[in-house]
Amino acid sequence: MTTEMAQSKEPQRIAIIGGGPGGLTLALILQRHGIQTVVYEREAFDPNREKGGSLDIHGDSGQFALKQAGLYDQFQAIARYEGEDFRLFDKTGTLHMDEVAEEGVQGDRPEIDRGTLCELLLNALDPECIRYGHQLIQAVPLHNGMHELRFENGHVDTVHLVVGADGAFSRIRPLLTDATAEYTGLSMVELNVLDAASAHPELASFNGRGKLFALADHKAILAQLNGDGRIKVYLSFRAEQDWLDTCDIPFSLPEEAKRQLLEYFSDWYDVLKDYIRFAEDAIYPRRIYMLPVGLTWKHKPGVTLIGDAAHLMSPFAGEGVNLAMLDAAELALAIIGHPDINEAVCAYEAEMVEYSSVSARMSDDNLKLMFSDDAAAQLADLMNQYQEQTESQ
């Protein structure tokens, strides 16, 4: 598929830094319109590498982008609508919400594993446009608005537009703003319960087909069934930034680490503690970061950002990958529709700041609510109010 606009333009070399869902979506939409890009991914190609958990793909953002990429029907064939199920508990095991997706009814936010989504995008993308094992060291602005990209392996490229799709600690962001990712006050410990249905059927039944949140005492157990049968679990703590280093939990010694983690939930409902007891040995401590809500920057020729590089937020609005893919679609459509690539970037950035700021504020508000006093009851009230408003519209 080649547009007249793409045919009429002088060739523009576009580099995308980062081969996650946002970067791949941007490359694919442009490819469908006859505009070739190069995607630089720092990691070496490894089909067996852990690619993250399950994602809910929203109708007005992630699914919109998949339509622009020509993959909507393929996505629909593999999306898990039952993954929209949601259970909400407090630490006593009191159930505050139990939402079950109706059989045969397609909701607006079906689930797909992140790895499966990336495979869907990669299978449609020209493999020649992806460069694995290219870690960017520096992007140098040139006098003509172009940028010279220098990589750790010695490779150098000069491009008309460099798009930072390189996440929370973007190497491209400093070209546009001094803003850096800030610690949110939340730390997580990621666990995985493998083959849950067969190995731990009672826990699998308790968890259900989608997400389960248990909230209390400024802590949380956040669990989600993935498409490969694992339950991915995030033990979440309000804590100082150095807590993961100073708590003395030996994360490299799984049995002792799990024993100590259980102590933090000692008075929680016993079945909830099974998420820790039954977890496999791999344990991943993580800190949650965010960029300032509503971050803007003065446009500079030849460079822009999408996804977490542009508007990093906590995961509590479910918008991270959706906004990255929406950014990709909006930037691609702007490039396709404007004869001047910098005019296209300006138009995209103005629109992106508007919609991403709303989601960033929501995410920050939800984080504060979920780790406040009486969090389970408060979240249930908020979600019920939202559902009532939606039904009345």
Protein backbone atom coordinates (compact mmCIF):
# COMPACT_ATOMS: atom_id res chain seq x y z
CA MET A 1 0.00 0.00 0.00
CA THR A 2 1.62 3.24 -1.14
CA THR A 3 0.02 6.67 -0.80
CA GLU A 4 0.38 9.55 -3.23
CA MET A 5 1.84 11.59 -0.39
CA ALA A 6 4.54 9.01 0.23
CA GLN A 7 5.31 8.84 -3.49
CA SER A 8 5.63 12.62 -3.80
CA LYS A 9 8.07 13.11 -0.93
CA GLU A 10 11.81 13.25 -1.12
CA PRO A 11 13.18 10.15 0.64
CA GLN A 12 13.50 10.83 4.36
CA ARG A 13 15.61 8.54 6.52
CA ILE A 14 13.70 7.81 9.73
CA ALA A 15 15.26 5.95 12.65
CA ILE A 16 13.21 4.53 15.51
CA ILE A 17 15.14 3.86 18.71
CA GLY A 18 13.47 0.94 20.48
CA GLY A 19 11.78 -2.19 19.17
CA GLY A 20 8.86 -2.44 21.59
CA PRO A 21 5.18 -2.29 20.58
CA GLY A 22 5.28 1.47 19.98
CA GLY A 23 8.35 1.46 17.77
CA LEU A 24 7.21 -1.58 15.81
CA THR A 25 3.74 -0.11 15.28
CA LEU A 26 5.20 3.12 13.93
CA ALA A 27 7.50 1.26 11.55
CA LEU A 28 4.70 -0.97 10.31
CA ILE A 29 2.16 1.79 9.62
CA LEU A 30 4.75 3.79 7.72
CA GLN A 31 5.78 0.65 5.82
CA ARG A 32 2.17 0.14 4.70
CA HIS A 33 2.31 3.63 3.17
CA GLY A 34 5.58 3.09 1.35
CA ILE A 35 7.80 4.85 3.89
CA GLN A 36 10.73 2.77 5.06
CA THR A 37 12.33 3.18 8.47
CA VAL A 38 15.09 1.54 10.46
CA VAL A 39 14.36 0.26 13.98
CA TYR A 40 17.35 0.05 16.32
CA GLU A 41 16.82 -2.37 19.21
CA ARG A 42 19.51 -2.57 21.88
CA GLU A 43 18.84 -6.20 22.82
CA ALA A 44 20.12 -9.05 20.69
CA PHE A 45 17.41 -11.11 19.02
CA ASP A 46 16.26 -13.83 21.43
CA PRO A 47 12.89 -15.50 20.78
CA ASN A 48 12.98 -17.09 24.24
CA ARG A 49 13.55 -13.86 26.18
CA GLU A 50 10.91 -12.88 28.76
CA LYS A 51 8.77 -10.25 27.02
CA GLY A 52 6.53 -9.08 29.86
CA GLY A 53 3.02 -9.80 30.98
CA SER A 54 -0.50 -9.49 29.64
CA LEU A 55 -1.80 -6.23 28.17
CA ASP A 56 -5.35 -4.96 27.77
CA ILE A 57 -5.66 -3.34 24.35
CA HIS A 58 -8.16 -0.49 24.30
CA GLY A 59 -10.57 0.18 21.47
CA ASP A 60 -9.78 3.86 20.96
CA SER A 61 -6.00 3.59 21.16
CA GLY A 62 -4.22 0.24 20.85
CA GLN A 63 -6.91 -1.29 18.63
CA PHE A 64 -7.09 1.89 16.54
CA ALA A 65 -3.35 1.57 15.93
CA LEU A 66 -3.70 -2.10 14.98
CA LYS A 67 -6.33 -1.11 12.42
CA GLN A 68 -3.90 1.41 10.92
CA ALA A 69 -1.26 -1.33 10.86
CA GLY A 70 -3.60 -3.75 9.06
CA LEU A 71 -3.56 -6.24 11.94
CA TYR A 72 -6.94 -5.73 13.57
CA ASP A 73 -8.51 -8.95 12.29
CA GLN A 74 -5.47 -11.00 13.26
CA PHE A 75 -5.55 -9.42 16.71
CA GLN A 76 -9.24 -10.23 17.12
CA ALA A 77 -8.54 -13.87 16.33
CA ILE A 78 -6.13 -14.25 19.26
CA ALA A 79 -7.34 -11.65 21.78
CA ARG A 80 -8.57 -12.98 25.12
CA TYR A 81 -11.88 -11.30 25.93
CA GLU A 82 -12.24 -13.47 29.03
CA GLY A 83 -9.11 -11.71 30.28
CA GLU A 84 -11.30 -8.70 31.10
CA ASP A 85 -12.50 -10.53 34.24
CA PHE A 86 -11.60 -8.63 37.42
CA ARG A 87 -11.69 -9.52 41.12
CA LEU A 88 -10.98 -7.09 43.97
CA PHE A 89 -10.23 -8.15 47.55
CA ASP A 90 -8.93 -6.62 50.73
CA LYS A 91 -6.40 -8.40 52.92
CA THR A 92 -9.08 -10.29 54.88
CA GLY A 93 -10.29 -12.05 51.74
CA THR A 94 -13.44 -9.93 51.56
CA LEU A 95 -14.54 -9.70 47.93
CA HIS A 96 -15.36 -6.12 46.88
CA MET A 97 -15.84 -6.66 43.14
CA ASP A 98 -16.22 -9.69 40.89
CA GLU A 99 -16.62 -8.74 37.24
CA VAL A 100 -16.97 -11.60 34.76
CA ALA A 101 -16.93 -10.98 31.01
CA GLU A 102 -20.08 -12.29 29.34
CA GLU A 103 -19.58 -15.33 27.13
CA GLY A 104 -19.80 -14.45 23.46
CA VAL A 105 -19.73 -10.70 24.15
CA GLN A 106 -16.72 -8.73 22.95
CA GLY A 107 -15.69 -6.08 25.44
CA ASP A 108 -13.59 -3.01 24.70
CA ARG A 109 -10.35 -4.09 26.39
CA PRO A 110 -9.37 -7.66 25.51
CA GLU A 111 -6.03 -9.08 26.65
CA ILE A 112 -2.97 -10.23 24.75
CA ASP A 113 0.46 -11.18 26.05
CA ARG A 114 3.12 -8.58 25.27
CA GLY A 115 5.29 -11.16 23.54
CA THR A 116 2.40 -12.28 21.34
CA LEU A 117 1.66 -8.67 20.39
CA CYS A 118 5.29 -8.08 19.42
CA GLU A 119 5.28 -11.28 17.33
CA LEU A 120 2.13 -10.10 15.56
CA LEU A 121 3.83 -6.82 14.65
CA LEU A 122 7.17 -8.40 13.75
CA ASN A 123 5.61 -10.98 11.44
CA ALA A 124 4.12 -8.17 9.34
CA LEU A 125 7.24 -5.99 9.32
CA ASP A 126 10.05 -6.21 6.78
CA PRO A 127 12.81 -7.95 8.78
CA GLU A 128 15.42 -5.91 6.93
CA CYS A 129 14.33 -2.76 8.77
CA ILE A 130 15.19 -4.07 12.27
CA ARG A 131 18.71 -3.90 13.68
CA TYR A 132 19.13 -5.96 16.84
CA GLY A 133 22.04 -5.54 19.22
CA HIS A 134 22.34 -1.80 18.57
CA GLN A 135 22.62 0.13 21.82
CA LEU A 136 22.55 3.87 21.23
CA ILE A 137 25.34 5.79 22.94
CA GLN A 138 24.66 9.27 21.60
CA ALA A 139 22.43 11.20 19.22
CA VAL A 140 24.21 14.31 17.94
CA PRO A 141 22.17 17.17 16.39
CA LEU A 142 23.66 18.44 13.12
CA HIS A 143 23.40 21.99 11.77
CA ASN A 144 20.95 20.96 9.05
CA GLY A 145 18.35 19.50 11.43
CA MET A 146 19.53 15.94 10.94
CA HIS A 147 21.00 13.74 13.68
CA GLU A 148 24.02 11.48 13.79
CA LEU A 149 23.37 8.31 15.78
CA ARG A 150 26.32 6.58 17.39
CA PHE A 151 26.03 3.04 18.68
CA GLU A 152 28.07 0.97 21.11
CA ASN A 153 29.03 -1.51 18.39
CA GLY A 154 30.61 1.26 16.31
CA HIS A 155 27.74 1.71 13.86
CA VAL A 156 26.94 5.30 12.86
CA ASP A 157 23.82 6.50 11.04
CA THR A 158 22.65 9.94 9.94
CA VAL A 159 18.89 10.49 9.75
CA HIS A 160 16.31 13.17 8.98
CA LEU A 161 14.13 12.11 11.93
CA VAL A 162 14.98 10.12 15.04
CA VAL A 163 12.05 8.87 17.12
CA GLY A 164 12.74 7.96 20.71
CA ALA A 165 10.66 4.87 21.47
CA ASP A 166 13.23 3.81 24.03
CA GLY A 167 11.26 3.87 27.23
CA ALA A 168 11.58 5.28 30.71
CA PHE A 169 15.26 6.17 30.54
CA SER A 170 15.30 7.34 26.95
CA ARG A 171 18.60 8.37 25.35
CA ILE A 172 16.64 10.60 22.95
CA ARG A 173 14.58 12.55 25.51
CA PRO A 174 17.52 14.77 26.64
CA LEU A 175 17.62 16.25 23.14
CA LEU A 176 14.23 17.83 23.89
CA THR A 177 13.90 18.33 27.64
CA ASP A 178 15.80 18.20 30.91
CA ALA A 179 12.93 16.25 32.52
CA THR A 180 13.90 12.86 33.91
CA ALA A 181 11.93 9.92 35.25
CA GLU A 182 11.03 10.37 38.92
CA TYR A 183 10.40 7.65 41.49
CA THR A 184 6.68 7.36 42.28
CA GLY A 185 7.14 6.06 45.81
CA LEU A 186 6.13 2.57 44.72
CA SER A 187 8.33 -0.52 44.50
CA MET A 188 7.29 -3.92 43.19
CA VAL A 189 8.52 -7.49 43.34
CA GLU A 190 7.52 -9.50 40.26
CA LEU A 191 6.76 -13.21 40.67
CA ASN A 192 5.40 -15.89 38.32
CA VAL A 193 3.19 -18.87 39.16
CA LEU A 194 3.76 -21.21 36.21
CA ASP A 195 1.15 -23.57 34.71
CA ALA A 196 -1.32 -22.34 37.29
CA ALA A 197 -4.36 -24.33 36.15
CA SER A 198 -2.59 -27.69 36.29
CA ALA A 199 -0.04 -27.11 39.06
CA HIS A 200 -2.19 -25.02 41.41
CA PRO A 201 -5.85 -25.41 40.38
CA GLU A 202 -7.30 -23.91 43.57
CA LEU A 203 -5.27 -20.73 43.18
CA ALA A 204 -6.10 -20.59 39.47
CA SER A 205 -9.81 -20.83 40.28
CA PHE A 206 -9.48 -18.16 42.96
CA ASN A 207 -7.65 -15.85 40.55
CA GLY A 208 -10.14 -16.28 37.71
CA ARG A 209 -9.50 -15.68 34.01
CA GLY A 210 -8.18 -12.13 34.25
CA LYS A 211 -6.88 -9.75 36.91
CA LEU A 212 -7.06 -9.94 40.70
CA PHE A 213 -6.17 -7.05 42.99
CA ALA A 214 -5.81 -7.36 46.77
CA LEU A 215 -5.27 -3.99 48.47
CA ALA A 216 -4.56 -3.05 52.09
CA ASP A 217 -2.00 -1.44 54.41
CA HIS A 218 -0.44 0.62 51.59
CA LYS A 219 0.52 -2.67 49.92
CA ALA A 220 -0.97 -4.76 47.13
CA ILE A 221 -0.93 -8.18 45.54
CA LEU A 222 -1.68 -7.65 41.84
CA ALA A 223 -2.13 -10.85 39.83
CA GLN A 224 -3.02 -11.56 36.22
CA LEU A 225 -3.47 -14.74 34.23
CA ASN A 226 -1.35 -14.68 31.07
CA GLY A 227 -2.01 -16.44 27.79
CA ASP A 228 0.74 -19.00 28.42
CA GLY A 229 -0.98 -20.23 31.59
CA ARG A 230 1.18 -18.43 34.12
CA ILE A 231 -0.14 -16.01 36.70
CA LYS A 232 2.11 -12.96 36.81
CA VAL A 233 2.16 -11.39 40.26
CA TYR A 234 3.34 -7.98 41.42
CA LEU A 235 3.81 -7.52 45.17
CA SER A 236 3.62 -3.76 45.55
CA PHE A 237 4.84 -1.56 48.39
CA ARG A 238 4.78 2.13 49.25
CA ALA A 239 8.46 2.55 50.09
CA GLU A 240 11.50 4.80 49.94
CA GLN A 241 13.45 4.69 46.69
CA ASP A 242 16.29 2.67 48.20
CA TRP A 243 14.04 0.15 49.97
CA LEU A 244 14.70 -2.69 47.53
CA ASP A 245 18.41 -2.30 48.32
CA THR A 246 18.08 -1.86 52.09
CA CYS A 247 15.25 -4.29 52.96
CA ASP A 248 17.75 -7.18 53.18
CA ILE A 249 15.51 -9.50 51.15
CA PRO A 250 17.92 -11.78 49.21
CA PHE A 251 16.15 -11.74 45.85
CA SER A 252 18.77 -14.08 44.36
CA LEU A 253 17.91 -16.73 46.99
CA PRO A 254 14.29 -17.52 46.10
CA GLU A 255 13.23 -19.65 49.06
CA GLU A 256 14.58 -17.22 51.64
CA ALA A 257 13.26 -14.25 49.64
CA LYS A 258 9.77 -15.75 49.53
CA ARG A 259 9.91 -16.51 53.25
CA GLN A 260 10.72 -12.88 54.00
CA LEU A 261 8.13 -11.58 51.53
CA LEU A 262 5.48 -13.70 53.27
CA GLU A 263 6.30 -11.87 56.50
CA TYR A 264 5.20 -8.59 54.89
CA PHE A 265 1.79 -10.20 54.30
CA SER A 266 1.66 -12.27 57.49
CA ASP A 267 -1.87 -11.19 58.48
CA TRP A 268 -3.34 -11.40 54.97
CA TYR A 269 -5.90 -13.99 53.85
CA ASP A 270 -4.09 -17.30 53.45
CA VAL A 271 -5.02 -17.98 49.82
CA LEU A 272 -3.56 -14.61 48.82
CA LYS A 273 -0.24 -15.71 50.27
CA ASP A 274 -0.26 -18.70 47.90
CA TYR A 275 0.77 -16.31 45.13
CA ILE A 276 4.09 -16.05 46.97
CA ARG A 277 4.35 -19.66 48.12
CA PHE A 278 3.76 -21.12 44.65
CA ALA A 279 5.94 -18.68 42.70
CA GLU A 280 8.86 -20.00 40.66
CA ASP A 281 12.43 -19.13 41.58
CA ALA A 282 12.91 -16.11 39.30
CA ILE A 283 12.16 -12.94 41.31
CA TYR A 284 12.40 -9.44 39.83
CA PRO A 285 12.51 -6.34 42.06
CA ARG A 286 11.37 -3.16 40.29
CA ARG A 287 10.86 0.52 41.02
CA ILE A 288 8.00 2.41 39.39
CA TYR A 289 8.86 5.75 37.79
CA MET A 290 6.94 8.54 36.08
CA LEU A 291 7.56 11.72 34.13
CA PRO A 292 5.92 15.00 35.21
CA VAL A 293 2.25 14.98 34.25
CA GLY A 294 1.66 17.11 31.16
CA LEU A 295 5.33 17.29 30.17
CA THR A 296 5.90 19.47 27.11
CA TRP A 297 8.96 20.63 25.23
CA LYS A 298 9.82 23.13 22.53
CA HIS A 299 9.86 21.44 19.15
CA LYS A 300 13.29 20.81 17.68
CA PRO A 301 13.85 19.72 14.08
CA GLY A 302 14.45 16.07 13.38
CA VAL A 303 13.55 14.52 16.73
CA THR A 304 10.49 13.42 18.70
CA LEU A 305 9.32 10.88 21.29
CA ILE A 306 6.59 8.28 21.61
CA GLY A 307 5.39 6.08 24.46
CA ASP A 308 7.16 5.99 27.81
CA ALA A 309 9.94 8.16 26.44
CA ALA A 310 7.36 10.95 26.05
CA HIS A 311 4.94 10.40 28.96
CA LEU A 312 6.07 7.67 31.35
CA MET A 313 3.40 6.94 33.94
CA SER A 314 2.58 4.29 36.52
CA PRO A 315 0.62 1.25 35.28
CA PHE A 316 -2.60 2.16 37.11
CA ALA A 317 -4.54 3.53 34.17
CA GLY A 318 -3.71 0.60 31.90
CA GLU A 319 -2.60 3.07 29.26
CA GLY A 320 1.14 2.50 28.79
CA VAL A 321 1.24 0.27 25.72
CA ASN A 322 -2.02 1.73 24.41
CA LEU A 323 -0.64 5.26 24.39
CA ALA A 324 2.63 4.07 22.84
CA MET A 325 0.70 2.48 19.99
CA LEU A 326 -1.64 5.48 19.65
CA ASP A 327 1.39 7.78 19.54
CA ALA A 328 2.83 5.58 16.81
CA ALA A 329 -0.37 5.75 14.78
CA GLU A 330 -0.79 9.51 15.19
CA LEU A 331 2.84 10.23 14.31
CA ALA A 332 2.71 7.92 11.30
CA LEU A 333 -0.51 9.48 10.01
CA ALA A 334 0.95 12.97 10.50
CA ILE A 335 4.08 12.04 8.52
CA ILE A 336 1.94 10.50 5.77
CA GLY A 337 -0.33 13.55 5.62
CA HIS A 338 2.23 16.39 5.74
CA PRO A 339 4.68 17.27 2.98
CA ASP A 340 7.16 18.54 5.59
CA ILE A 341 8.35 16.04 8.20
CA ASN A 342 8.91 18.67 10.90
CA GLU A 343 5.43 20.11 10.40
CA ALA A 344 4.17 16.56 10.85
CA VAL A 345 6.07 16.17 14.11
CA CYS A 346 4.74 19.50 15.44
CA ALA A 347 1.16 18.47 14.69
CA TYR A 348 1.67 15.08 16.35
CA GLU A 349 3.31 16.52 19.48
CA ALA A 350 0.52 19.04 20.07
CA GLU A 351 -2.12 16.32 19.91
CA MET A 352 -0.11 13.76 21.89
CA VAL A 353 0.38 16.07 24.86
CA GLU A 354 -3.38 16.64 25.11
CA TYR A 355 -4.48 13.01 25.30
CA SER A 356 -1.49 11.65 27.21
CA SER A 357 -1.82 14.25 29.97
CA VAL A 358 -5.33 13.02 30.77
CA SER A 359 -4.11 9.45 31.13
CA ALA A 360 -1.05 10.45 33.16
CA ARG A 361 -3.21 12.35 35.64
CA MET A 362 -5.59 9.39 35.92
CA SER A 363 -2.71 7.00 36.48
CA ASP A 364 -1.22 9.15 39.23
CA ASP A 365 -4.61 9.56 40.93
CA ASN A 366 -5.26 5.81 40.78
CA LEU A 367 -1.86 5.02 42.28
CA LYS A 368 -2.58 7.30 45.22
CA LEU A 369 -6.02 5.75 45.71
CA MET A 370 -4.86 2.13 45.48
CA PHE A 371 -2.24 2.60 48.18
CA SER A 372 -4.33 4.74 50.50
CA ASP A 373 -6.31 3.77 53.59
CA ASP A 374 -9.30 1.49 52.88
CA ALA A 375 -8.08 1.18 49.29
CA ALA A 376 -10.19 -1.81 48.22
CA ALA A 377 -13.48 -0.15 49.19
CA GLN A 378 -12.42 3.15 47.63
CA LEU A 379 -11.41 1.51 44.34
CA ALA A 380 -14.68 -0.44 44.24
CA ASP A 381 -16.64 2.78 44.74
CA LEU A 382 -14.69 4.54 41.99
CA MET A 383 -15.16 1.69 39.51
CA ASN A 384 -18.87 1.40 40.29
CA GLN A 385 -19.31 5.14 39.75
CA TYR A 386 -17.49 4.90 36.42
CA GLN A 387 -19.66 1.98 35.34
CA GLU A 388 -22.86 3.85 36.28
CA GLN A 389 -21.73 6.90 34.30
CA THR A 390 -20.90 4.73 31.29
CA GLU A 391 -24.27 2.97 31.39
CA SER A 392 -26.15 6.26 31.66
CA GLN A 393 -24.52 7.73 28.56
